[in-house]
Amino acid sequence: MEIKTVLFDLDGTLLPMDMDMFTNGYFALLCRKLAPRGYDPDKLVEAVWAGTAAMVKNDGSRSNEAAFWDRFAQIFGEAALADQPLFEEFYASEFQQARQFCGFDPWAARAVRAVKASGREAVLATNPIFPAAGTRSRLSWTGLEPEDFRLVTTYENCRFCKPNVNYYRDILDKLSLRPEECLMVGNDMTEDTAAAELGMGIFLITACLINREGKNVDAWPHGGFEDLIRYVCG
């Protein structure tokens, strides 16, 4: 069946990166921002990871945003919730420095634009563990903006995370899409190929491939963005 909608992952796909290098650099910037507010760096990193784990385990009863901050407040106390605007400020400003920990592939934005020029829709299906401000920042480093996509998943508007198949099911339901008419483009052979459980097609961008389970990459179409353009647009 013809592909009508292409879902793009961000980190490691549209935005090339070594995840460990990016995460370490990002946390260093966050700790520097919040140290004047009395946040111990080690405890802060621990709390962010704990909040992330809470989002990954989210059962759909609340937003990922609520799951994160509930867990964060359990560690730092309810008073920490007053610092949410400070986090928003960080993702819109100091977080921009994390661009130095990422690569750049001009073909990424070209692929999104080629998909749209062919009459198909694009969705940014990035794992929704960041707020909208952080997602907009990271997306801008690729040469794209949220307005280039019909939907951008963030921790505010999602209640599941990859690889939970319900994350993909929610996207389909929100946009009234049929899975067999969708293609998920990603780099993680666990998180992104989970979309196949619903009947979506898969295309793996291999430049920053993550394959923790040692799966056979040849089981899916794969390559670079030029290959993706040929695969989708002919």
C-alpha atoms as a PDB file:
ATOM      1  CA  MET A   1       0.000   0.000   0.000  1.00  0.00           C
ATOM      2  CA  GLU A   2       1.241   3.505  -0.808  1.00  0.00           C
ATOM      3  CA  ILE A   3       2.945   5.452   1.960  1.00  0.00           C
ATOM      4  CA  LYS A   4       0.917   8.554   2.835  1.00  0.00           C
ATOM      5  CA  THR A   5       2.567   9.629   6.107  1.00  0.00           C
ATOM      6  CA  VAL A   6       6.211   9.421   7.152  1.00  0.00           C
ATOM      7  CA  LEU A   7       7.085   9.518  10.846  1.00  0.00           C
ATOM      8  CA  PHE A   8      10.599  10.759  11.599  1.00  0.00           C
ATOM      9  CA  ASP A   9      12.601  10.133  14.746  1.00  0.00           C
ATOM     10  CA  LEU A  10      14.842  13.023  15.815  1.00  0.00           C
ATOM     11  CA  ASP A  11      17.819  12.092  18.016  1.00  0.00           C
ATOM     12  CA  GLY A  12      20.234   9.954  16.036  1.00  0.00           C
ATOM     13  CA  THR A  13      18.034  10.140  12.937  1.00  0.00           C
ATOM     14  CA  LEU A  14      17.324  13.667  11.698  1.00  0.00           C
ATOM     15  CA  LEU A  15      19.889  14.890  14.233  1.00  0.00           C
ATOM     16  CA  PRO A  16      23.094  12.812  14.166  1.00  0.00           C
ATOM     17  CA  MET A  17      24.569  12.260  17.608  1.00  0.00           C
ATOM     18  CA  ASP A  18      26.444   9.993  19.938  1.00  0.00           C
ATOM     19  CA  MET A  19      23.850   9.595  22.688  1.00  0.00           C
ATOM     20  CA  ASP A  20      26.362   9.342  25.536  1.00  0.00           C
ATOM     21  CA  MET A  21      28.276  12.431  24.428  1.00  0.00           C
ATOM     22  CA  PHE A  22      25.072  14.409  23.996  1.00  0.00           C
ATOM     23  CA  THR A  23      23.592  13.315  27.321  1.00  0.00           C
ATOM     24  CA  ASN A  24      26.743  14.098  29.280  1.00  0.00           C
ATOM     25  CA  GLY A  25      27.048  17.532  27.684  1.00  0.00           C
ATOM     26  CA  TYR A  26      23.361  18.294  28.163  1.00  0.00           C
ATOM     27  CA  PHE A  27      23.460  17.350  31.850  1.00  0.00           C
ATOM     28  CA  ALA A  28      26.542  19.496  32.425  1.00  0.00           C
ATOM     29  CA  LEU A  29      24.694  22.507  31.014  1.00  0.00           C
ATOM     30  CA  LEU A  30      21.587  21.778  33.087  1.00  0.00           C
ATOM     31  CA  CYS A  31      23.585  21.413  36.303  1.00  0.00           C
ATOM     32  CA  ARG A  32      25.377  24.699  35.647  1.00  0.00           C
ATOM     33  CA  LYS A  33      22.020  26.416  35.154  1.00  0.00           C
ATOM     34  CA  LEU A  34      20.444  25.060  38.326  1.00  0.00           C
ATOM     35  CA  ALA A  35      23.419  25.080  40.707  1.00  0.00           C
ATOM     36  CA  PRO A  36      22.640  28.678  41.836  1.00  0.00           C
ATOM     37  CA  ARG A  37      19.196  27.420  42.891  1.00  0.00           C
ATOM     38  CA  GLY A  38      20.817  24.947  45.275  1.00  0.00           C
ATOM     39  CA  TYR A  39      20.518  21.789  43.177  1.00  0.00           C
ATOM     40  CA  ASP A  40      23.289  19.283  43.864  1.00  0.00           C
ATOM     41  CA  PRO A  41      24.554  18.138  40.422  1.00  0.00           C
ATOM     42  CA  ASP A  42      24.628  14.406  41.193  1.00  0.00           C
ATOM     43  CA  LYS A  43      21.200  14.443  42.786  1.00  0.00           C
ATOM     44  CA  LEU A  44      19.819  16.526  39.906  1.00  0.00           C
ATOM     45  CA  VAL A  45      21.064  14.056  37.286  1.00  0.00           C
ATOM     46  CA  GLU A  46      19.641  11.213  39.358  1.00  0.00           C
ATOM     47  CA  ALA A  47      16.276  12.976  39.510  1.00  0.00           C
ATOM     48  CA  VAL A  48      16.170  13.626  35.758  1.00  0.00           C
ATOM     49  CA  TRP A  49      16.896   9.955  35.074  1.00  0.00           C
ATOM     50  CA  ALA A  50      14.248   8.937  37.596  1.00  0.00           C
ATOM     51  CA  GLY A  51      11.742  11.256  35.939  1.00  0.00           C
ATOM     52  CA  THR A  52      12.654   9.832  32.545  1.00  0.00           C
ATOM     53  CA  ALA A  53      12.106   6.307  33.843  1.00  0.00           C
ATOM     54  CA  ALA A  54       8.686   7.378  35.123  1.00  0.00           C
ATOM     55  CA  MET A  55       7.782   8.623  31.641  1.00  0.00           C
ATOM     56  CA  VAL A  56       8.963   5.407  29.984  1.00  0.00           C
ATOM     57  CA  LYS A  57       6.808   3.416  32.426  1.00  0.00           C
ATOM     58  CA  ASN A  58       3.807   5.725  32.027  1.00  0.00           C
ATOM     59  CA  ASP A  59       0.618   3.680  31.775  1.00  0.00           C
ATOM     60  CA  GLY A  60      -1.290   6.348  29.870  1.00  0.00           C
ATOM     61  CA  SER A  61      -3.223   7.666  32.856  1.00  0.00           C
ATOM     62  CA  ARG A  62      -1.459  11.037  32.748  1.00  0.00           C
ATOM     63  CA  SER A  63       0.800  13.042  30.480  1.00  0.00           C
ATOM     64  CA  ASN A  64       4.516  12.315  30.376  1.00  0.00           C
ATOM     65  CA  GLU A  65       5.003  15.821  31.734  1.00  0.00           C
ATOM     66  CA  ALA A  66       2.970  14.961  34.828  1.00  0.00           C
ATOM     67  CA  ALA A  67       4.797  11.647  35.237  1.00  0.00           C
ATOM     68  CA  PHE A  68       8.170  13.412  35.136  1.00  0.00           C
ATOM     69  CA  TRP A  69       7.342  16.173  37.594  1.00  0.00           C
ATOM     70  CA  ASP A  70       5.573  13.883  40.035  1.00  0.00           C
ATOM     71  CA  ARG A  71       8.731  11.785  40.289  1.00  0.00           C
ATOM     72  CA  PHE A  72      10.990  14.857  40.382  1.00  0.00           C
ATOM     73  CA  ALA A  73       8.967  16.300  43.265  1.00  0.00           C
ATOM     74  CA  GLN A  74       9.248  13.020  45.160  1.00  0.00           C
ATOM     75  CA  ILE A  75      13.021  13.506  45.144  1.00  0.00           C
ATOM     76  CA  PHE A  76      13.322  17.267  45.677  1.00  0.00           C
ATOM     77  CA  GLY A  77      10.019  18.027  47.378  1.00  0.00           C
ATOM     78  CA  GLU A  78       6.894  19.811  46.186  1.00  0.00           C
ATOM     79  CA  ALA A  79       8.688  23.161  46.382  1.00  0.00           C
ATOM     80  CA  ALA A  80      10.748  22.120  43.341  1.00  0.00           C
ATOM     81  CA  LEU A  81       7.634  22.393  41.166  1.00  0.00           C
ATOM     82  CA  ALA A  82       7.992  26.177  41.409  1.00  0.00           C
ATOM     83  CA  ASP A  83      11.186  25.842  39.364  1.00  0.00           C
ATOM     84  CA  GLN A  84       9.433  24.494  36.253  1.00  0.00           C
ATOM     85  CA  PRO A  85       9.687  27.902  34.507  1.00  0.00           C
ATOM     86  CA  LEU A  86      13.447  27.803  35.128  1.00  0.00           C
ATOM     87  CA  PHE A  87      13.647  24.511  33.241  1.00  0.00           C
ATOM     88  CA  GLU A  88      11.610  25.985  30.386  1.00  0.00           C
ATOM     89  CA  GLU A  89      14.009  28.922  30.284  1.00  0.00           C
ATOM     90  CA  PHE A  90      16.950  26.526  30.138  1.00  0.00           C
ATOM     91  CA  TYR A  91      15.573  24.582  27.159  1.00  0.00           C
ATOM     92  CA  ALA A  92      14.920  27.797  25.255  1.00  0.00           C
ATOM     93  CA  SER A  93      18.323  29.361  25.992  1.00  0.00           C
ATOM     94  CA  GLU A  94      21.341  27.591  27.552  1.00  0.00           C
ATOM     95  CA  PHE A  95      20.303  24.269  26.032  1.00  0.00           C
ATOM     96  CA  GLN A  96      21.231  25.727  22.629  1.00  0.00           C
ATOM     97  CA  GLN A  97      24.869  25.136  23.562  1.00  0.00           C
ATOM     98  CA  ALA A  98      24.224  21.385  23.403  1.00  0.00           C
ATOM     99  CA  ARG A  99      24.276  21.717  19.638  1.00  0.00           C
ATOM    100  CA  GLN A 100      28.063  21.298  19.861  1.00  0.00           C
ATOM    101  CA  PHE A 101      27.501  17.696  20.954  1.00  0.00           C
ATOM    102  CA  CYS A 102      25.536  16.849  17.814  1.00  0.00           C
ATOM    103  CA  GLY A 103      26.352  16.378  14.164  1.00  0.00           C
ATOM    104  CA  PHE A 104      24.563  17.744  11.115  1.00  0.00           C
ATOM    105  CA  ASP A 105      23.300  16.072   7.949  1.00  0.00           C
ATOM    106  CA  PRO A 106      21.885  18.462   5.339  1.00  0.00           C
ATOM    107  CA  TRP A 107      20.076  15.534   3.745  1.00  0.00           C
ATOM    108  CA  ALA A 108      17.862  15.181   6.813  1.00  0.00           C
ATOM    109  CA  ALA A 109      15.918  18.377   6.144  1.00  0.00           C
ATOM    110  CA  ARG A 110      15.984  17.639   2.411  1.00  0.00           C
ATOM    111  CA  ALA A 111      14.328  14.289   3.058  1.00  0.00           C
ATOM    112  CA  VAL A 112      11.521  15.840   5.101  1.00  0.00           C
ATOM    113  CA  ARG A 113      10.944  18.456   2.417  1.00  0.00           C
ATOM    114  CA  ALA A 114      11.035  15.832  -0.332  1.00  0.00           C
ATOM    115  CA  VAL A 115       8.388  13.809   1.494  1.00  0.00           C
ATOM    116  CA  LYS A 116       6.154  16.855   1.789  1.00  0.00           C
ATOM    117  CA  ALA A 117       6.803  17.939  -1.802  1.00  0.00           C
ATOM    118  CA  SER A 118       5.605  14.513  -2.926  1.00  0.00           C
ATOM    119  CA  GLY A 119       2.212  15.200  -1.330  1.00  0.00           C
ATOM    120  CA  ARG A 120       2.788  13.100   1.760  1.00  0.00           C
ATOM    121  CA  GLU A 121       2.606  14.233   5.386  1.00  0.00           C
ATOM    122  CA  ALA A 122       5.456  14.308   7.889  1.00  0.00           C
ATOM    123  CA  VAL A 123       5.239  13.663  11.643  1.00  0.00           C
ATOM    124  CA  LEU A 124       8.055  14.225  14.116  1.00  0.00           C
ATOM    125  CA  ALA A 125       7.854  11.035  16.181  1.00  0.00           C
ATOM    126  CA  THR A 126      10.646  11.780  18.628  1.00  0.00           C
ATOM    127  CA  ASN A 127      10.550   9.962  21.955  1.00  0.00           C
ATOM    128  CA  PRO A 128       8.463  12.384  24.060  1.00  0.00           C
ATOM    129  CA  ILE A 129      10.758  12.782  27.053  1.00  0.00           C
ATOM    130  CA  PHE A 130      11.580  16.455  26.362  1.00  0.00           C
ATOM    131  CA  PRO A 131       9.334  19.513  26.713  1.00  0.00           C
ATOM    132  CA  ALA A 132       8.250  21.340  23.588  1.00  0.00           C
ATOM    133  CA  ALA A 133      10.934  24.005  24.099  1.00  0.00           C
ATOM    134  CA  GLY A 134      13.693  21.392  24.133  1.00  0.00           C
ATOM    135  CA  THR A 135      12.269  19.628  21.101  1.00  0.00           C
ATOM    136  CA  ARG A 136      12.005  22.880  19.154  1.00  0.00           C
ATOM    137  CA  SER A 137      15.639  23.648  20.009  1.00  0.00           C
ATOM    138  CA  ARG A 138      16.933  20.248  18.881  1.00  0.00           C
ATOM    139  CA  LEU A 139      14.834  20.310  15.751  1.00  0.00           C
ATOM    140  CA  SER A 140      16.189  23.753  14.789  1.00  0.00           C
ATOM    141  CA  TRP A 141      19.702  22.263  14.706  1.00  0.00           C
ATOM    142  CA  THR A 142      18.599  20.133  11.740  1.00  0.00           C
ATOM    143  CA  GLY A 143      17.363  23.145   9.768  1.00  0.00           C
ATOM    144  CA  LEU A 144      13.714  22.308  10.438  1.00  0.00           C
ATOM    145  CA  GLU A 145      10.927  23.748  12.593  1.00  0.00           C
ATOM    146  CA  PRO A 146       7.843  22.220  14.262  1.00  0.00           C
ATOM    147  CA  GLU A 147       5.727  23.851  11.578  1.00  0.00           C
ATOM    148  CA  ASP A 148       7.291  21.455   9.043  1.00  0.00           C
ATOM    149  CA  PHE A 149       5.336  18.617  10.654  1.00  0.00           C
ATOM    150  CA  ARG A 150       1.684  17.802  11.116  1.00  0.00           C
ATOM    151  CA  LEU A 151       2.434  16.677  14.674  1.00  0.00           C
ATOM    152  CA  VAL A 152       5.462  16.941  16.966  1.00  0.00           C
ATOM    153  CA  THR A 153       5.424  14.618  19.964  1.00  0.00           C
ATOM    154  CA  THR A 154       6.599  16.152  23.260  1.00  0.00           C
ATOM    155  CA  TYR A 155       6.197  15.265  26.917  1.00  0.00           C
ATOM    156  CA  GLU A 156       3.257  17.683  27.153  1.00  0.00           C
ATOM    157  CA  ASN A 157       1.110  16.029  24.480  1.00  0.00           C
ATOM    158  CA  CYS A 158       2.005  12.346  24.979  1.00  0.00           C
ATOM    159  CA  ARG A 159       1.215   9.745  27.632  1.00  0.00           C
ATOM    160  CA  PHE A 160       3.463   6.916  26.459  1.00  0.00           C
ATOM    161  CA  CYS A 161       7.086   6.576  25.331  1.00  0.00           C
ATOM    162  CA  LYS A 162       8.930   4.386  22.875  1.00  0.00           C
ATOM    163  CA  PRO A 163       9.141   1.413  22.651  1.00  0.00           C
ATOM    164  CA  ASN A 164       5.593   1.134  24.045  1.00  0.00           C
ATOM    165  CA  VAL A 165       3.442   0.392  21.027  1.00  0.00           C
ATOM    166  CA  ASN A 166       0.726   2.611  22.540  1.00  0.00           C
ATOM    167  CA  TYR A 167       2.922   5.610  21.738  1.00  0.00           C
ATOM    168  CA  TYR A 168       2.474   4.846  18.056  1.00  0.00           C
ATOM    169  CA  ARG A 169      -1.167   3.905  18.498  1.00  0.00           C
ATOM    170  CA  ASP A 170      -1.839   7.341  20.021  1.00  0.00           C
ATOM    171  CA  ILE A 171      -0.293   9.060  16.995  1.00  0.00           C
ATOM    172  CA  LEU A 172      -2.472   7.032  14.652  1.00  0.00           C
ATOM    173  CA  ASP A 173      -5.578   7.851  16.661  1.00  0.00           C
ATOM    174  CA  LYS A 174      -4.798  11.573  16.963  1.00  0.00           C
ATOM    175  CA  LEU A 175      -4.269  11.963  13.223  1.00  0.00           C
ATOM    176  CA  SER A 176      -6.778   9.335  12.019  1.00  0.00           C
ATOM    177  CA  LEU A 177      -4.049   7.431  10.200  1.00  0.00           C
ATOM    178  CA  ARG A 178      -3.976   3.839   8.976  1.00  0.00           C
ATOM    179  CA  PRO A 179      -0.778   2.049  10.049  1.00  0.00           C
ATOM    180  CA  GLU A 180      -0.277   0.337   6.715  1.00  0.00           C
ATOM    181  CA  GLU A 181      -0.066   3.765   5.058  1.00  0.00           C
ATOM    182  CA  CYS A 182       2.648   4.984   7.459  1.00  0.00           C
ATOM    183  CA  LEU A 183       6.422   4.622   7.455  1.00  0.00           C
ATOM    184  CA  MET A 184       8.481   5.035  10.639  1.00  0.00           C
ATOM    185  CA  VAL A 185      11.986   6.351   9.972  1.00  0.00           C
ATOM    186  CA  GLY A 186      14.413   5.919  12.854  1.00  0.00           C
ATOM    187  CA  ASN A 187      17.786   4.696  14.037  1.00  0.00           C
ATOM    188  CA  ASP A 188      16.910   2.591  17.076  1.00  0.00           C
ATOM    189  CA  MET A 189      16.164  -1.040  16.287  1.00  0.00           C
ATOM    190  CA  THR A 190      14.180  -1.475  19.488  1.00  0.00           C
ATOM    191  CA  GLU A 191      12.353   1.826  19.938  1.00  0.00           C
ATOM    192  CA  ASP A 192      11.575   2.634  16.316  1.00  0.00           C
ATOM    193  CA  THR A 193      10.845  -0.831  14.941  1.00  0.00           C
ATOM    194  CA  ALA A 194       8.159  -1.245  17.620  1.00  0.00           C
ATOM    195  CA  ALA A 195       5.886   0.615  15.190  1.00  0.00           C
ATOM    196  CA  ALA A 196       5.887  -2.502  13.001  1.00  0.00           C
ATOM    197  CA  GLU A 197       3.740  -4.263  15.611  1.00  0.00           C
ATOM    198  CA  LEU A 198       0.857  -2.077  14.455  1.00  0.00           C
ATOM    199  CA  GLY A 199       1.564  -2.678  10.781  1.00  0.00           C
ATOM    200  CA  MET A 200       3.672   0.395   9.994  1.00  0.00           C
ATOM    201  CA  GLY A 201       6.551   0.160   7.571  1.00  0.00           C
ATOM    202  CA  ILE A 202      10.077   0.753   8.866  1.00  0.00           C
ATOM    203  CA  PHE A 203      13.122   2.464   7.339  1.00  0.00           C
ATOM    204  CA  LEU A 204      16.315   2.603   9.379  1.00  0.00           C
ATOM    205  CA  ILE A 205      18.832   5.435   9.037  1.00  0.00           C
ATOM    206  CA  THR A 206      22.110   3.674   9.760  1.00  0.00           C
ATOM    207  CA  ALA A 207      24.588   6.529  10.361  1.00  0.00           C
ATOM    208  CA  CYS A 208      23.900   6.458  14.130  1.00  0.00           C
ATOM    209  CA  LEU A 209      22.273   3.048  14.367  1.00  0.00           C
ATOM    210  CA  ILE A 210      21.416   1.762  17.857  1.00  0.00           C
ATOM    211  CA  ASN A 211      21.062  -2.003  18.031  1.00  0.00           C
ATOM    212  CA  ARG A 212      21.218  -3.040  21.679  1.00  0.00           C
ATOM    213  CA  GLU A 213      19.576  -6.409  21.049  1.00  0.00           C
ATOM    214  CA  GLY A 214      21.723  -7.392  18.072  1.00  0.00           C
ATOM    215  CA  LYS A 215      18.812  -7.589  15.645  1.00  0.00           C
ATOM    216  CA  ASN A 216      19.334  -8.208  11.931  1.00  0.00           C
ATOM    217  CA  VAL A 217      19.330  -4.813  10.223  1.00  0.00           C
ATOM    218  CA  ASP A 218      18.693  -6.508   6.884  1.00  0.00           C
ATOM    219  CA  ALA A 219      15.204  -7.348   8.115  1.00  0.00           C
ATOM    220  CA  TRP A 220      14.242  -3.738   7.324  1.00  0.00           C
ATOM    221  CA  PRO A 221      14.897  -1.286   4.494  1.00  0.00           C
ATOM    222  CA  HIS A 222      17.838   0.848   5.575  1.00  0.00           C
ATOM    223  CA  GLY A 223      20.487   3.311   4.438  1.00  0.00           C
ATOM    224  CA  GLY A 224      20.947   7.079   4.331  1.00  0.00           C
ATOM    225  CA  PHE A 225      18.500   9.881   3.616  1.00  0.00           C
ATOM    226  CA  GLU A 226      19.152   9.768  -0.114  1.00  0.00           C
ATOM    227  CA  ASP A 227      18.122   6.110  -0.002  1.00  0.00           C
ATOM    228  CA  LEU A 228      15.029   7.058   1.980  1.00  0.00           C
ATOM    229  CA  ILE A 229      13.999   9.648  -0.599  1.00  0.00           C
ATOM    230  CA  ARG A 230      14.292   7.051  -3.361  1.00  0.00           C
ATOM    231  CA  TYR A 231      12.389   4.512  -1.249  1.00  0.00           C
ATOM    232  CA  VAL A 232       9.476   6.842  -0.511  1.00  0.00           C
ATOM    233  CA  CYS A 233       9.347   9.154  -3.516  1.00  0.00           C
ATOM    234  CA  GLY A 234      10.779   6.950  -6.247  1.00  0.00           C
END
